Each structure stands twice: as structure tokens, then as C-alpha cells.
Amino acid sequence: MRILTASDRALLVEASDLDEAMRLNLAWEGTPGVVERIPGARTVLVRFDPSRISARRLAAVLRETAPTGTRMPATGEVTIPVQYDGEDLDEVAAMLGVSTEEVVRRHQRAGWRVAFSGFAPGFGYLIGDDPLFDVARRATPRTRVPAGAVALAGRFTGVYPRSSPGGWQLIGRTEAVMWDIDRDPPALLTPGTSVRFTTAQRGRIRPAERSAGGDLRENPAGEAGGRSLEVIRPSLQLLVQDPGRPGYAALGVSASGTADRTAMRDANRAVGNPPGAAVLESVGGAELRFRLDGVVAVAGAIGDLTLMDADGIGRSAPHGAPFAVSRGDGLVIGEPTHGLRSVIAVRGGILAERALGSAATDTLAGLGPAPLRAGDVLRIGPEPRQAVDPHPLPRALPASGDLVELEITAGPRDDWFTPAAVAALTGQDWTVTPRSDRVGIRLHGEEPLARAVAGELPSEGAVTGALQVPADGQPVLFLADHPLTGGYPIIAALTDRCLDLAGQLPPGARIRFRRVDAGR
């Protein structure tokens, strides 16, 4: 067993094969201090709470625990109809040295079984019994793979539950619904499920389904007495956020939650809300109108804030401090000069539909409230008993072009890169490109990170803040909505205390990484 540093709050444990990884994952259930476990093709990512157990002590506990003798139980069978017209089908056939017809025939004849879940809710990693299927990922991931795409990577096949970035080779498509939160279980493909692929009649793909089950969504409780706010003009991205939904990795669901936890806590503290009350997270300028007499605070990105009364008379509002609003007032949030994401808290908190215990919008998974549009009205909860805090905490955020230093811990796959690449990671500036969102920040450096190890890395767990490096050598910095698993090597990860600053990096900002000890 080899135990690697995945971040200052996670270890990556290597197993000899997929079967041992699954048995180790079962054996470590209930380990004190462990927050979450994410199994991979030959690994288990173990996230822990450093206030309860140190990385060194956890590594010793994991080494002392023998794999359980229990194997993954069978959980039923699913048949998925596919139209084999994927844009990579010809390339896959050439790669494997067979015809496209042979690829389809053997894909349907193989016995497939879901080994584990990851990447996104409803995405099952299916391992087959035909040795033909060992397919390299794309050198550069696509920024958008359509929902229902049937794909291959390494020894696995999978179906994308919704539109998302991805680097797998696309061989077909299906209308089978991979994830439905109104279904029990929500995922069509759960670990242990046997899967058979068939050819769908062109234009008549019949979705595969399990029996319908319970509703895992929760409606906001309590009446708010008509207290609400209206979206007059949304920003580039205006979302409901809260601390997220940790603990659902087994369903392929990441924690998500606000990209800047500090800004959420500051804004909620200013208006007297609990730290985890739901807020709005805005990228760019926006305009809101209040249907209540209340208290509001805006933290995070810094820009002009203008409060407009019912007569159209405007006055400046403070940043980070609470200010009163009257029914009919409007708030205009200007384009930020520093930072990227504004966090808007209203005393009483945003009341929104909850999924798996959280109102956070996960843009990759499609969980939580939809991105807000003009005309949307959000209910506000009753006022809390706690007093407002009129003293904002000072905080510096970067503007485009500024240089920011971020701490990283090396690993778990820094040994996949040349010594020159490892040195270049901390020895040069990296620019935040416009191709960035809540899933990840695409970085650009003058010297791409060259690999020392060729070939494919079997899919394994990834943490928020991971620096994943595709084949082009330009890293992607994972943010709150990142996939749980991936197959490109991760050279390093941000420390937990740098994650909030990463969520505020605007395009054009420059990063210099500084390596620190992970504490092992």
C-alpha cells in the first residue's frame, strides 16, 4: 500500500487493483476523523478533518486496516439503448485496430458492471470483461460533452449524465436518464449494477429506467410573510449558494457550495444571519429589487454599490457592512474592480428549494436552484435574533493583472512530471484565462508542464483546489463544482486556506505557486 499526499486535508491510497480498492473503501467506513472516501480505479481518496486526526496518524491507521473480505454486492441490471454515432467512434476503432462495426459489436457483447461512481452525479465507471477496451483519453478535454454521450476511457465505459466538460472518447449517445433526484436511487447506475448496451432505433431511443422512488428534495420550511427580493437584471452568473452538500461522494455528488466561504461568512455575519445561511453569488454586475424592509450586506468582489429608492434617487452603499433597505428599493451591483464574485446576504437568509440538504447550485451536477434570470423572485426567511455587525473585516482581493501567491502541497502525482516541470510549477507565473468557471480555472504558463510518465492514469478522486494537468501541460485549478474523479494527473493542490482567494481570481490575474509542507 502506498499513501500519497493529495492536499493538506486528503490522502490518496494506492491499491494493487480495482477489487482491492473497493474492499479497502469498505474497510475504512467509520474511521475516526475521516470526512469522506472516494474510490477510484486503483485508489481511494480519503478526506479528513485535521482538527480530529493528523495526516501522519491517519496514514498509520489506514495501513493497519486490512481489506475487508466482502465484495461489492450485485444491485440489479440495466439495459441502455445507444445510437452508435459518436464523433470519436472512427478514431477509437483505428486506435484499437478494428472496424467501427467491431467496436459496436464487442461493446454490446461485453459484460459491464458499475465499479464506482464519480466525476458527476449519476456517472458510473463501468468495467468490462473484453480486453479490447483500453482507450486513451483525448489529449485536450472538450469544454462541453452533451448529456447522454456514451464514452470510453482506459478500461472503462460511461454515460455523461448532463452536459459537462470531459476528455473521454465519444462513441454514441442515449436518452437514458442517468440522474433524477425524484427517483430512488437518483442514479440509474449504482455500484454493483450490471449493464447491457443495445442498439437503439435511430430517432427512437427509449430511455432506460428504474422504478420511481422518493423525492430527495426539500421545500423551504416556514412562512416568510411575503418577504422577498426580485431579480431585475442578473449578472453573468447569479446563483443561490450555501456551504454545500458534503458527504454524498458515494452518489457521485461533490460538496459544491459557495466559491468564497469567507465572503459568505462575512456577509452573513454583517446582517446577523447564521454563517451558513443561503446567499446570492454574483459574477459581474447585477440589479435586485427588495420587497421587504430589511438589512442587506455585500461581501467578496469589490465594486460600486448603489441603492436606489422608489423615486429613483440613488445613494452609495457600503461594501462589507450592513445597510437598511425599504420595500421597493433597488440595489445595483457594479462590475467588480477587484475580485470576481460578489456575495449578497439578506437578513433572514434566502429560502430556496433544497436538494440533498442544501440550497447550493452545483453547475456541473445540475443540483440546486437553476441560475437566476430576470423576473425571478426569491423568498426571504424570518429575521434572526442575532444583531447585525457593522464592522466589516478588511480583505484585499486581486484585480486583473495583479500577481497572487497561493500555497500548494505537492502530489499526489508530481512524480508523473519531469523535474523541470515540477520546478516550472512554482518557478513561473500562471495566468487565469477567460475559460474559467465554478468547475475550474484554466491556467496558462509560458512553459507547459511536461510529463515524465507516458500513458493513462486510471481515474481517481480529486479535491477542491487540485491542479490537474491535461496532456497539453496547462493546468486546470479545480473549484467548488469540480468533478469528484478524473484521469489526468494532479501535480499539486491548494491548501484549504487559499481556496477562497482562488474563487475570487478574475481573468488576467497572475498566480505564483508556493510549495508548503502538508504536515505529514
Protein backbone atom coordinates (compact mmCIF):
# COMPACT_ATOMS: atom_id res chain seq x y z
CA MET A 1 0.00 0.00 0.00
CA ARG A 2 1.34 3.43 -0.96
CA ILE A 3 -0.13 6.52 0.71
CA LEU A 4 0.31 9.84 -1.06
CA THR A 5 -0.46 13.44 -0.13
CA ALA A 6 -3.49 14.71 -2.06
CA SER A 7 -3.80 18.02 -0.15
CA ASP A 8 -3.39 19.32 3.38
CA ARG A 9 -6.73 17.60 4.14
CA ALA A 10 -6.65 14.46 2.00
CA LEU A 11 -4.59 11.33 1.38
CA LEU A 12 -4.63 9.14 -1.73
CA VAL A 13 -4.15 5.43 -1.06
CA GLU A 14 -2.96 3.20 -3.89
CA ALA A 15 -4.24 -0.38 -4.05
CA SER A 16 -3.00 -3.24 -6.19
CA ASP A 17 -6.14 -3.32 -8.35
CA LEU A 18 -9.77 -2.25 -8.57
CA ASP A 19 -11.01 -5.11 -6.40
CA GLU A 20 -8.65 -4.27 -3.53
CA ALA A 21 -9.54 -0.56 -3.78
CA MET A 22 -13.23 -1.42 -3.38
CA ARG A 23 -12.54 -3.67 -0.38
CA LEU A 24 -10.31 -1.08 1.30
CA ASN A 25 -13.01 1.54 0.80
CA LEU A 26 -15.49 -0.69 2.64
CA ALA A 27 -13.00 -1.47 5.42
CA TRP A 28 -12.37 2.21 6.21
CA GLU A 29 -16.02 3.07 6.76
CA GLY A 30 -16.39 4.74 10.16
CA THR A 31 -12.68 5.56 10.59
CA PRO A 32 -12.45 8.42 13.15
CA GLY A 33 -11.59 11.77 11.62
CA VAL A 34 -12.43 10.69 8.06
CA VAL A 35 -14.87 13.04 6.35
CA GLU A 36 -15.35 11.24 3.04
CA ARG A 37 -13.93 8.44 0.91
CA ILE A 38 -13.87 8.48 -2.90
CA PRO A 39 -12.90 5.18 -4.55
CA GLY A 40 -11.18 5.13 -7.92
CA ALA A 41 -9.91 2.56 -10.38
CA ARG A 42 -6.95 1.59 -8.17
CA THR A 43 -7.10 4.15 -5.38
CA VAL A 44 -9.18 5.53 -2.52
CA LEU A 45 -9.12 9.26 -1.79
CA VAL A 46 -9.55 9.81 1.95
CA ARG A 47 -10.58 13.29 3.08
CA PHE A 48 -10.06 14.01 6.78
CA ASP A 49 -10.60 16.68 9.41
CA PRO A 50 -7.15 17.83 10.63
CA SER A 51 -8.68 19.06 13.89
CA ARG A 52 -9.60 15.44 14.71
CA ILE A 53 -6.71 13.46 13.25
CA SER A 54 -3.34 14.30 11.71
CA ALA A 55 -2.30 13.12 8.28
CA ARG A 56 0.52 11.10 9.85
CA ARG A 57 -1.78 9.35 12.32
CA LEU A 58 -4.43 8.70 9.67
CA ALA A 59 -1.85 7.14 7.36
CA ALA A 60 -0.84 4.77 10.17
CA VAL A 61 -4.48 3.82 10.84
CA LEU A 62 -5.12 3.16 7.16
CA ARG A 63 -2.01 0.94 6.88
CA GLU A 64 -3.09 -1.09 9.92
CA THR A 65 -6.57 -1.79 8.48
CA ALA A 66 -6.77 -4.97 6.40
CA PRO A 67 -9.07 -5.01 3.35
CA THR A 68 -12.47 -6.46 4.08
CA GLY A 69 -13.26 -9.82 2.57
CA THR A 70 -16.64 -8.52 1.42
CA ARG A 71 -17.00 -7.86 -2.27
CA MET A 72 -19.34 -5.37 -3.88
CA PRO A 73 -22.86 -6.85 -3.98
CA ALA A 74 -24.82 -7.01 -7.20
CA THR A 75 -27.51 -4.31 -7.34
CA GLY A 76 -29.58 -5.25 -10.37
CA GLU A 77 -29.40 -4.99 -14.15
CA VAL A 78 -30.00 -2.14 -16.57
CA THR A 79 -30.24 -2.15 -20.37
CA ILE A 80 -29.22 1.05 -22.16
CA PRO A 81 -30.18 1.65 -25.83
CA VAL A 82 -27.49 3.54 -27.75
CA GLN A 83 -27.18 5.19 -31.13
CA TYR A 84 -23.56 4.47 -32.07
CA ASP A 85 -22.80 7.68 -33.92
CA GLY A 86 -20.25 9.31 -31.58
CA GLU A 87 -17.79 11.74 -33.14
CA ASP A 88 -14.81 9.73 -31.86
CA LEU A 89 -16.05 6.31 -32.99
CA ASP A 90 -13.85 6.16 -36.12
CA GLU A 91 -10.80 7.29 -34.15
CA VAL A 92 -11.46 4.73 -31.42
CA ALA A 93 -11.74 1.96 -34.00
CA ALA A 94 -8.43 3.00 -35.58
CA MET A 95 -6.83 3.18 -32.13
CA LEU A 96 -7.97 -0.36 -31.32
CA GLY A 97 -7.15 -1.73 -34.76
CA VAL A 98 -10.66 -2.93 -35.60
CA SER A 99 -13.61 -1.70 -37.64
CA THR A 100 -16.28 0.58 -36.21
CA GLU A 101 -18.75 -2.30 -36.57
CA GLU A 102 -16.47 -4.46 -34.44
CA VAL A 103 -16.25 -1.77 -31.75
CA VAL A 104 -20.05 -1.63 -31.55
CA ARG A 105 -20.49 -5.41 -31.62
CA ARG A 106 -17.99 -6.02 -28.84
CA HIS A 107 -19.24 -3.09 -26.76
CA GLN A 108 -22.67 -4.74 -26.78
CA ARG A 109 -21.42 -8.27 -26.15
CA ALA A 110 -19.17 -7.32 -23.23
CA GLY A 111 -20.37 -7.76 -19.69
CA TRP A 112 -20.25 -4.36 -18.00
CA ARG A 113 -20.59 -3.64 -14.28
CA VAL A 114 -20.51 -0.35 -12.36
CA ALA A 115 -17.35 -0.36 -10.27
CA PHE A 116 -17.75 3.06 -8.64
CA SER A 117 -19.36 6.46 -9.11
CA GLY A 118 -17.67 9.80 -9.60
CA PHE A 119 -16.98 12.72 -11.90
CA ALA A 120 -20.61 13.92 -11.61
CA PRO A 121 -23.88 12.66 -10.08
CA GLY A 122 -25.07 9.62 -11.99
CA PHE A 123 -21.76 8.97 -13.74
CA GLY A 124 -20.88 5.31 -13.23
CA TYR A 125 -17.48 3.86 -14.13
CA LEU A 126 -18.31 0.59 -15.89
CA ILE A 127 -15.63 -2.07 -16.10
CA GLY A 128 -15.99 -4.73 -18.80
CA ASP A 129 -14.72 -8.24 -19.45
CA ASP A 130 -13.47 -7.63 -23.01
CA PRO A 131 -9.71 -6.82 -23.06
CA LEU A 132 -10.17 -4.90 -26.32
CA PHE A 133 -11.39 -1.84 -24.47
CA ASP A 134 -8.36 0.10 -23.26
CA VAL A 135 -8.71 3.52 -24.84
CA ALA A 136 -6.58 6.63 -24.31
CA ARG A 137 -8.34 9.84 -23.29
CA ARG A 138 -8.31 12.88 -25.53
CA ALA A 139 -5.14 14.99 -25.33
CA THR A 140 -7.26 18.07 -24.55
CA PRO A 141 -10.65 17.70 -22.83
CA ARG A 142 -13.73 19.06 -24.56
CA THR A 143 -15.26 22.06 -22.84
CA ARG A 144 -18.72 20.57 -23.46
CA VAL A 145 -19.83 16.96 -23.83
CA PRO A 146 -23.59 16.56 -24.36
CA ALA A 147 -25.79 14.74 -21.88
CA GLY A 148 -26.29 11.09 -22.81
CA ALA A 149 -22.92 10.74 -24.55
CA VAL A 150 -21.63 7.16 -24.29
CA ALA A 151 -17.86 7.22 -23.96
CA LEU A 152 -14.71 5.19 -23.39
CA ALA A 153 -11.56 5.94 -21.39
CA GLY A 154 -8.95 3.44 -20.24
CA ARG A 155 -10.74 0.16 -19.46
CA PHE A 156 -13.98 1.96 -18.59
CA THR A 157 -17.14 2.97 -20.37
CA GLY A 158 -19.56 5.58 -19.06
CA VAL A 159 -22.54 7.77 -19.89
CA TYR A 160 -22.42 11.53 -19.26
CA PRO A 161 -25.45 12.40 -17.08
CA ARG A 162 -25.60 16.01 -18.30
CA SER A 163 -23.69 18.46 -20.44
CA SER A 164 -20.23 18.97 -18.93
CA PRO A 165 -16.54 19.18 -19.81
CA GLY A 166 -14.88 15.82 -20.43
CA GLY A 167 -11.92 14.05 -22.00
CA TRP A 168 -13.42 10.64 -22.79
CA GLN A 169 -13.77 9.29 -26.34
CA LEU A 170 -17.38 9.55 -27.56
CA ILE A 171 -18.80 6.51 -29.36
CA GLY A 172 -22.56 7.07 -29.15
CA ARG A 173 -25.48 8.62 -27.31
CA THR A 174 -28.51 7.57 -25.33
CA GLU A 175 -31.62 9.20 -23.89
CA ALA A 176 -31.45 7.08 -20.75
CA VAL A 177 -31.73 9.36 -17.72
CA MET A 178 -28.62 8.77 -15.63
CA TRP A 179 -29.59 11.02 -12.72
CA ASP A 180 -33.05 12.00 -11.48
CA ILE A 181 -33.35 13.37 -7.97
CA ASP A 182 -37.04 12.38 -7.93
CA ARG A 183 -36.02 8.73 -8.37
CA ASP A 184 -34.87 6.30 -5.67
CA PRO A 185 -31.99 5.86 -6.04
CA PRO A 186 -31.36 9.03 -8.08
CA ALA A 187 -28.57 7.35 -10.07
CA LEU A 188 -29.59 4.82 -12.71
CA LEU A 189 -26.12 3.25 -12.47
CA THR A 190 -25.10 2.46 -8.90
CA PRO A 191 -22.01 0.46 -7.87
CA GLY A 192 -22.62 -3.23 -8.49
CA THR A 193 -25.18 -2.72 -11.28
CA SER A 194 -24.80 -4.93 -14.37
CA VAL A 195 -25.27 -3.08 -17.67
CA ARG A 196 -26.02 -4.26 -21.18
CA PHE A 197 -25.84 -1.93 -24.18
CA THR A 198 -28.12 -2.40 -27.18
CA THR A 199 -28.62 -0.59 -30.48
CA ALA A 200 -31.45 1.93 -30.42
CA GLN A 201 -33.63 2.53 -33.45
CA ARG A 202 -32.45 5.76 -34.99
CA GLY A 203 -34.63 8.58 -33.74
CA ARG A 204 -36.38 6.29 -31.26
CA ILE A 205 -34.10 5.93 -28.24
CA ARG A 206 -36.18 4.55 -25.41
CA PRO A 207 -34.81 5.65 -22.05
CA ALA A 208 -33.84 3.01 -19.52
CA GLU A 209 -35.46 3.48 -16.12
CA ARG A 210 -35.59 2.09 -12.63
CA SER A 211 -38.79 2.23 -10.64
CA ALA A 212 -39.63 5.70 -9.34
CA GLY A 213 -38.90 6.37 -5.69
CA GLY A 214 -38.92 9.04 -3.02
CA ASP A 215 -38.23 12.71 -3.53
CA LEU A 216 -34.89 13.74 -2.04
CA ARG A 217 -35.61 17.43 -2.48
CA GLU A 218 -36.77 19.53 0.41
CA ASN A 219 -39.01 22.57 0.13
CA PRO A 220 -38.03 25.55 2.25
CA ALA A 221 -39.90 25.44 5.54
CA GLY A 222 -41.76 28.24 7.25
CA GLU A 223 -43.64 31.24 6.02
CA ALA A 224 -41.75 34.46 5.34
CA GLY A 225 -44.73 36.82 5.43
CA GLY A 226 -44.31 37.97 1.83
CA ARG A 227 -40.66 38.98 2.35
CA SER A 228 -38.84 38.56 -0.96
CA LEU A 229 -36.47 40.03 -3.50
CA GLU A 230 -36.76 40.19 -7.29
CA VAL A 231 -34.01 39.80 -9.86
CA ILE A 232 -34.24 42.79 -12.21
CA ARG A 233 -31.00 42.17 -14.10
CA PRO A 234 -28.94 39.05 -13.47
CA SER A 235 -25.19 39.05 -13.72
CA LEU A 236 -23.13 36.81 -15.98
CA GLN A 237 -23.90 34.15 -13.37
CA LEU A 238 -26.24 34.72 -10.42
CA LEU A 239 -26.70 31.70 -8.15
CA VAL A 240 -28.09 30.68 -4.78
CA GLN A 241 -25.29 29.29 -2.61
CA ASP A 242 -24.70 27.97 0.90
CA PRO A 243 -21.98 25.77 2.47
CA GLY A 244 -22.84 22.92 0.11
CA ARG A 245 -23.68 19.22 0.49
CA PRO A 246 -20.63 17.26 1.72
CA GLY A 247 -20.96 13.54 2.39
CA TYR A 248 -22.54 12.33 -0.86
CA ALA A 249 -19.45 11.15 -2.73
CA ALA A 250 -20.91 7.64 -2.92
CA LEU A 251 -23.62 9.08 -5.21
CA GLY A 252 -21.05 10.92 -7.31
CA VAL A 253 -22.10 14.25 -5.76
CA SER A 254 -19.42 16.77 -4.80
CA ALA A 255 -19.84 19.20 -1.90
CA SER A 256 -20.13 22.26 -4.18
CA GLY A 257 -21.27 25.31 -2.18
CA THR A 258 -20.08 28.90 -2.34
CA ALA A 259 -16.78 29.53 -4.11
CA ASP A 260 -15.74 32.01 -1.40
CA ARG A 261 -16.61 30.76 2.10
CA THR A 262 -15.02 33.80 3.73
CA ALA A 263 -17.25 36.20 1.79
CA MET A 264 -20.35 34.17 2.69
CA ARG A 265 -19.46 34.17 6.39
CA ASP A 266 -18.63 37.90 6.32
CA ALA A 267 -21.87 38.85 4.58
CA ASN A 268 -24.00 36.69 6.87
CA ARG A 269 -22.26 37.96 9.99
CA ALA A 270 -22.85 41.54 8.88
CA VAL A 271 -26.64 41.05 8.69
CA GLY A 272 -26.88 38.80 11.76
CA ASN A 273 -27.58 35.53 9.91
CA PRO A 274 -26.12 32.14 10.86
CA PRO A 275 -22.80 31.59 8.99
CA GLY A 276 -24.33 29.02 6.63
CA ALA A 277 -27.49 30.90 5.64
CA ALA A 278 -28.16 30.82 1.89
CA VAL A 279 -26.88 33.84 -0.06
CA LEU A 280 -26.61 35.01 -3.65
CA GLU A 281 -23.32 34.63 -5.50
CA SER A 282 -22.87 37.00 -8.45
CA VAL A 283 -20.21 37.09 -11.17
CA GLY A 284 -20.29 40.63 -12.54
CA GLY A 285 -22.86 43.40 -12.17
CA ALA A 286 -26.50 42.76 -11.28
CA GLU A 287 -29.64 44.57 -10.14
CA LEU A 288 -32.09 43.48 -7.44
CA ARG A 289 -35.32 44.92 -6.04
CA PHE A 290 -36.43 44.31 -2.45
CA ARG A 291 -39.99 43.53 -1.45
CA LEU A 292 -39.29 43.95 2.26
CA ASP A 293 -37.97 46.30 4.89
CA GLY A 294 -34.72 44.69 5.93
CA VAL A 295 -30.94 44.60 6.10
CA VAL A 296 -28.50 43.63 3.32
CA ALA A 297 -24.73 43.23 3.05
CA VAL A 298 -22.47 42.62 0.05
CA ALA A 299 -19.05 41.00 0.56
CA GLY A 300 -16.47 39.42 -1.72
CA ALA A 301 -15.71 41.20 -5.01
CA ILE A 302 -15.26 44.95 -4.69
CA GLY A 303 -17.17 47.36 -6.93
CA ASP A 304 -19.69 50.18 -6.80
CA LEU A 305 -22.89 49.52 -4.85
CA THR A 306 -25.82 51.86 -5.46
CA LEU A 307 -29.07 51.77 -3.51
CA MET A 308 -31.99 53.23 -5.49
CA ASP A 309 -35.15 54.27 -3.66
CA ALA A 310 -38.67 54.04 -5.09
CA ASP A 311 -38.31 57.55 -6.55
CA GLY A 312 -35.17 56.61 -8.47
CA ILE A 313 -32.82 58.54 -6.20
CA GLY A 314 -29.56 56.69 -5.69
CA ARG A 315 -27.01 56.69 -2.93
CA SER A 316 -23.83 54.74 -2.37
CA ALA A 317 -23.99 51.62 -0.19
CA PRO A 318 -21.02 50.35 1.85
CA HIS A 319 -19.08 47.20 0.98
CA GLY A 320 -18.96 44.50 3.64
CA ALA A 321 -21.12 46.41 6.13
CA PRO A 322 -24.88 46.08 6.71
CA PHE A 323 -27.24 48.67 5.26
CA ALA A 324 -31.01 49.09 5.52
CA VAL A 325 -33.37 48.63 2.59
CA SER A 326 -37.05 49.57 2.32
CA ARG A 327 -39.76 47.86 0.32
CA GLY A 328 -39.36 48.95 -3.31
CA ASP A 329 -35.65 49.80 -3.04
CA GLY A 330 -33.30 48.53 -5.72
CA LEU A 331 -29.64 47.53 -5.41
CA VAL A 332 -27.30 47.97 -8.37
CA ILE A 333 -24.10 45.94 -8.07
CA GLY A 334 -21.43 47.35 -10.35
CA GLU A 335 -18.79 45.42 -12.25
CA PRO A 336 -16.07 44.48 -9.77
CA THR A 337 -12.73 46.24 -9.85
CA HIS A 338 -11.14 43.65 -7.55
CA GLY A 339 -12.13 40.02 -7.20
CA LEU A 340 -14.71 38.18 -9.26
CA ARG A 341 -17.67 37.02 -7.13
CA SER A 342 -19.94 39.21 -5.01
CA VAL A 343 -21.86 37.57 -2.16
CA ILE A 344 -25.20 39.17 -1.22
CA ALA A 345 -26.75 38.32 2.14
CA VAL A 346 -30.23 39.41 3.24
CA ARG A 347 -31.16 39.30 6.91
CA GLY A 348 -33.30 36.15 7.26
CA GLY A 349 -31.48 34.27 4.50
CA ILE A 350 -32.60 33.13 1.04
CA LEU A 351 -35.32 30.45 1.09
CA ALA A 352 -34.85 28.11 -1.85
CA GLU A 353 -35.61 24.52 -2.77
CA ARG A 354 -33.05 22.19 -1.22
CA ALA A 355 -31.51 19.09 -2.80
CA LEU A 356 -29.75 16.58 -0.55
CA GLY A 357 -29.98 19.02 2.34
CA SER A 358 -28.55 22.07 0.59
CA ALA A 359 -29.79 25.02 -1.47
CA ALA A 360 -26.41 25.38 -3.22
CA THR A 361 -26.40 25.47 -7.02
CA ASP A 362 -23.95 22.90 -8.40
CA THR A 363 -23.37 23.94 -12.00
CA LEU A 364 -21.66 20.70 -13.01
CA ALA A 365 -24.15 18.36 -11.37
CA GLY A 366 -27.26 20.41 -12.08
CA LEU A 367 -28.34 20.23 -8.44
CA GLY A 368 -29.98 23.05 -6.54
CA PRO A 369 -31.86 26.08 -7.88
CA ALA A 370 -31.35 27.00 -11.53
CA PRO A 371 -29.20 30.05 -12.33
CA LEU A 372 -31.34 33.10 -11.71
CA ARG A 373 -32.93 35.12 -14.51
CA ALA A 374 -34.68 38.46 -14.78
CA GLY A 375 -38.08 38.29 -13.09
CA ASP A 376 -37.19 35.53 -10.65
CA VAL A 377 -38.49 36.16 -7.12
CA LEU A 378 -36.78 34.68 -4.06
CA ARG A 379 -38.39 34.38 -0.64
CA ILE A 380 -36.55 35.68 2.41
CA GLY A 381 -36.76 33.95 5.78
CA PRO A 382 -37.84 35.48 9.08
CA GLU A 383 -35.38 37.79 10.79
CA PRO A 384 -32.95 36.07 13.20
CA ARG A 385 -32.46 37.17 16.80
CA GLN A 386 -28.75 37.90 16.40
CA ALA A 387 -27.69 41.54 15.99
CA VAL A 388 -26.05 42.91 12.85
CA ASP A 389 -22.30 43.52 12.82
CA PRO A 390 -21.45 46.98 11.43
CA HIS A 391 -17.68 46.41 11.40
CA PRO A 392 -16.51 44.78 8.14
CA LEU A 393 -13.28 42.81 8.18
CA PRO A 394 -10.66 44.22 5.78
CA ARG A 395 -9.76 41.96 2.90
CA ALA A 396 -7.60 42.53 -0.19
CA LEU A 397 -8.67 40.92 -3.47
CA PRO A 398 -6.82 40.91 -6.81
CA ALA A 399 -7.62 42.86 -9.96
CA SER A 400 -6.88 41.62 -13.47
CA GLY A 401 -3.11 41.75 -13.96
CA ASP A 402 -2.29 41.51 -10.26
CA LEU A 403 0.08 38.80 -9.02
CA VAL A 404 -1.29 36.49 -6.30
CA GLU A 405 0.67 33.95 -4.28
CA LEU A 406 -1.11 30.69 -3.49
CA GLU A 407 0.14 27.87 -1.29
CA ILE A 408 0.22 24.32 -2.64
CA THR A 409 1.11 20.88 -1.40
CA ALA A 410 2.85 18.64 -3.92
CA GLY A 411 1.22 15.46 -5.14
CA PRO A 412 -0.29 13.06 -5.42
CA ARG A 413 1.09 12.68 -8.96
CA ASP A 414 4.04 15.08 -9.07
CA ASP A 415 6.22 12.05 -9.90
CA TRP A 416 4.41 11.85 -13.25
CA PHE A 417 6.18 15.05 -14.33
CA THR A 418 9.76 15.88 -15.24
CA PRO A 419 11.95 17.66 -12.66
CA ALA A 420 11.87 20.70 -14.96
CA ALA A 421 8.04 20.68 -14.93
CA VAL A 422 7.92 20.40 -11.14
CA ALA A 423 10.30 23.36 -10.93
CA ALA A 424 8.26 25.33 -13.50
CA LEU A 425 5.09 24.91 -11.44
CA THR A 426 6.49 27.19 -8.75
CA GLY A 427 9.11 28.97 -10.84
CA GLN A 428 6.89 30.84 -13.31
CA ASP A 429 3.72 32.92 -13.29
CA TRP A 430 0.43 31.37 -14.40
CA THR A 431 -2.30 33.50 -15.97
CA VAL A 432 -6.01 32.99 -15.29
CA THR A 433 -7.67 32.57 -18.69
CA PRO A 434 -11.26 33.55 -19.58
CA ARG A 435 -12.00 29.82 -19.96
CA SER A 436 -12.81 29.53 -16.27
CA ASP A 437 -15.93 28.90 -14.20
CA ARG A 438 -17.03 27.29 -10.94
CA VAL A 439 -15.80 23.90 -12.18
CA GLY A 440 -12.24 25.04 -12.70
CA ILE A 441 -9.83 27.78 -13.67
CA ARG A 442 -7.84 27.11 -16.83
CA LEU A 443 -4.35 28.47 -16.40
CA HIS A 444 -1.70 29.36 -18.95
CA GLY A 445 2.06 29.37 -18.46
CA GLU A 446 4.87 30.02 -20.88
CA GLU A 447 6.36 26.62 -20.08
CA PRO A 448 3.79 23.80 -20.20
CA LEU A 449 4.26 21.02 -17.66
CA ALA A 450 5.90 18.07 -19.40
CA ARG A 451 5.30 14.54 -18.22
CA ALA A 452 7.93 12.03 -17.22
CA VAL A 453 5.38 9.18 -17.30
CA ALA A 454 3.54 8.43 -20.51
CA GLY A 455 0.22 6.65 -20.79
CA GLU A 456 -3.09 6.90 -18.98
CA LEU A 457 -3.74 7.38 -15.29
CA PRO A 458 -6.70 5.29 -14.07
CA SER A 459 -9.50 7.54 -12.80
CA GLU A 460 -9.05 8.60 -9.19
CA GLY A 461 -10.50 11.06 -6.71
CA ALA A 462 -9.75 14.79 -6.79
CA VAL A 463 -10.09 17.50 -4.15
CA THR A 464 -11.21 21.11 -4.47
CA GLY A 465 -8.07 23.08 -5.25
CA ALA A 466 -6.41 20.25 -7.19
CA LEU A 467 -4.14 21.25 -10.08
CA GLN A 468 -4.99 18.70 -12.77
CA VAL A 469 -2.76 18.69 -15.83
CA PRO A 470 -4.19 17.55 -19.21
CA ALA A 471 -1.88 16.36 -21.95
CA ASP A 472 -1.30 19.93 -23.23
CA GLY A 473 0.55 20.72 -19.99
CA GLN A 474 -1.62 23.71 -19.00
CA PRO A 475 -3.11 23.11 -15.52
CA VAL A 476 -6.75 23.34 -14.50
CA LEU A 477 -7.35 24.55 -10.94
CA PHE A 478 -10.45 22.78 -9.60
CA LEU A 479 -13.03 24.96 -7.85
CA ALA A 480 -16.22 24.17 -5.90
CA ASP A 481 -18.12 22.37 -8.71
CA HIS A 482 -15.23 20.19 -9.89
CA PRO A 483 -15.71 16.51 -10.81
CA LEU A 484 -15.13 14.05 -7.97
CA THR A 485 -12.85 11.87 -10.09
CA GLY A 486 -10.65 12.34 -13.12
CA GLY A 487 -7.98 10.68 -15.19
CA TYR A 488 -5.43 13.42 -15.76
CA PRO A 489 -2.59 13.51 -13.21
CA ILE A 490 -2.78 16.03 -10.37
CA ILE A 491 0.58 17.62 -9.71
CA ALA A 492 -0.41 19.58 -6.58
CA ALA A 493 -3.33 21.06 -4.64
CA LEU A 494 -4.03 24.37 -2.94
CA THR A 495 -4.08 24.46 0.83
CA ASP A 496 -7.54 24.87 2.31
CA ARG A 497 -6.90 28.46 3.40
CA CYS A 498 -6.16 29.52 -0.20
CA LEU A 499 -9.36 28.13 -1.72
CA ASP A 500 -11.47 31.24 -1.09
CA LEU A 501 -8.91 33.51 -2.73
CA ALA A 502 -8.83 31.18 -5.75
CA GLY A 503 -12.58 31.64 -6.11
CA GLN A 504 -12.02 35.39 -6.49
CA LEU A 505 -9.38 35.29 -9.25
CA PRO A 506 -10.53 37.33 -12.28
CA PRO A 507 -9.37 36.59 -15.83
CA GLY A 508 -5.95 38.13 -16.36
CA ALA A 509 -4.83 37.70 -12.76
CA ARG A 510 -1.44 36.04 -12.38
CA ILE A 511 -0.60 33.28 -9.93
CA ARG A 512 2.70 32.31 -8.37
CA PHE A 513 2.51 29.00 -6.52
CA ARG A 514 4.50 28.44 -3.32
CA ARG A 515 5.06 24.92 -2.07
CA VAL A 516 4.46 24.17 1.62
CA ASP A 517 4.73 21.01 3.72
CA ALA A 518 1.48 19.06 4.00
CA GLY A 519 2.16 18.26 7.65
CA ARG A 520 2.83 14.56 7.28
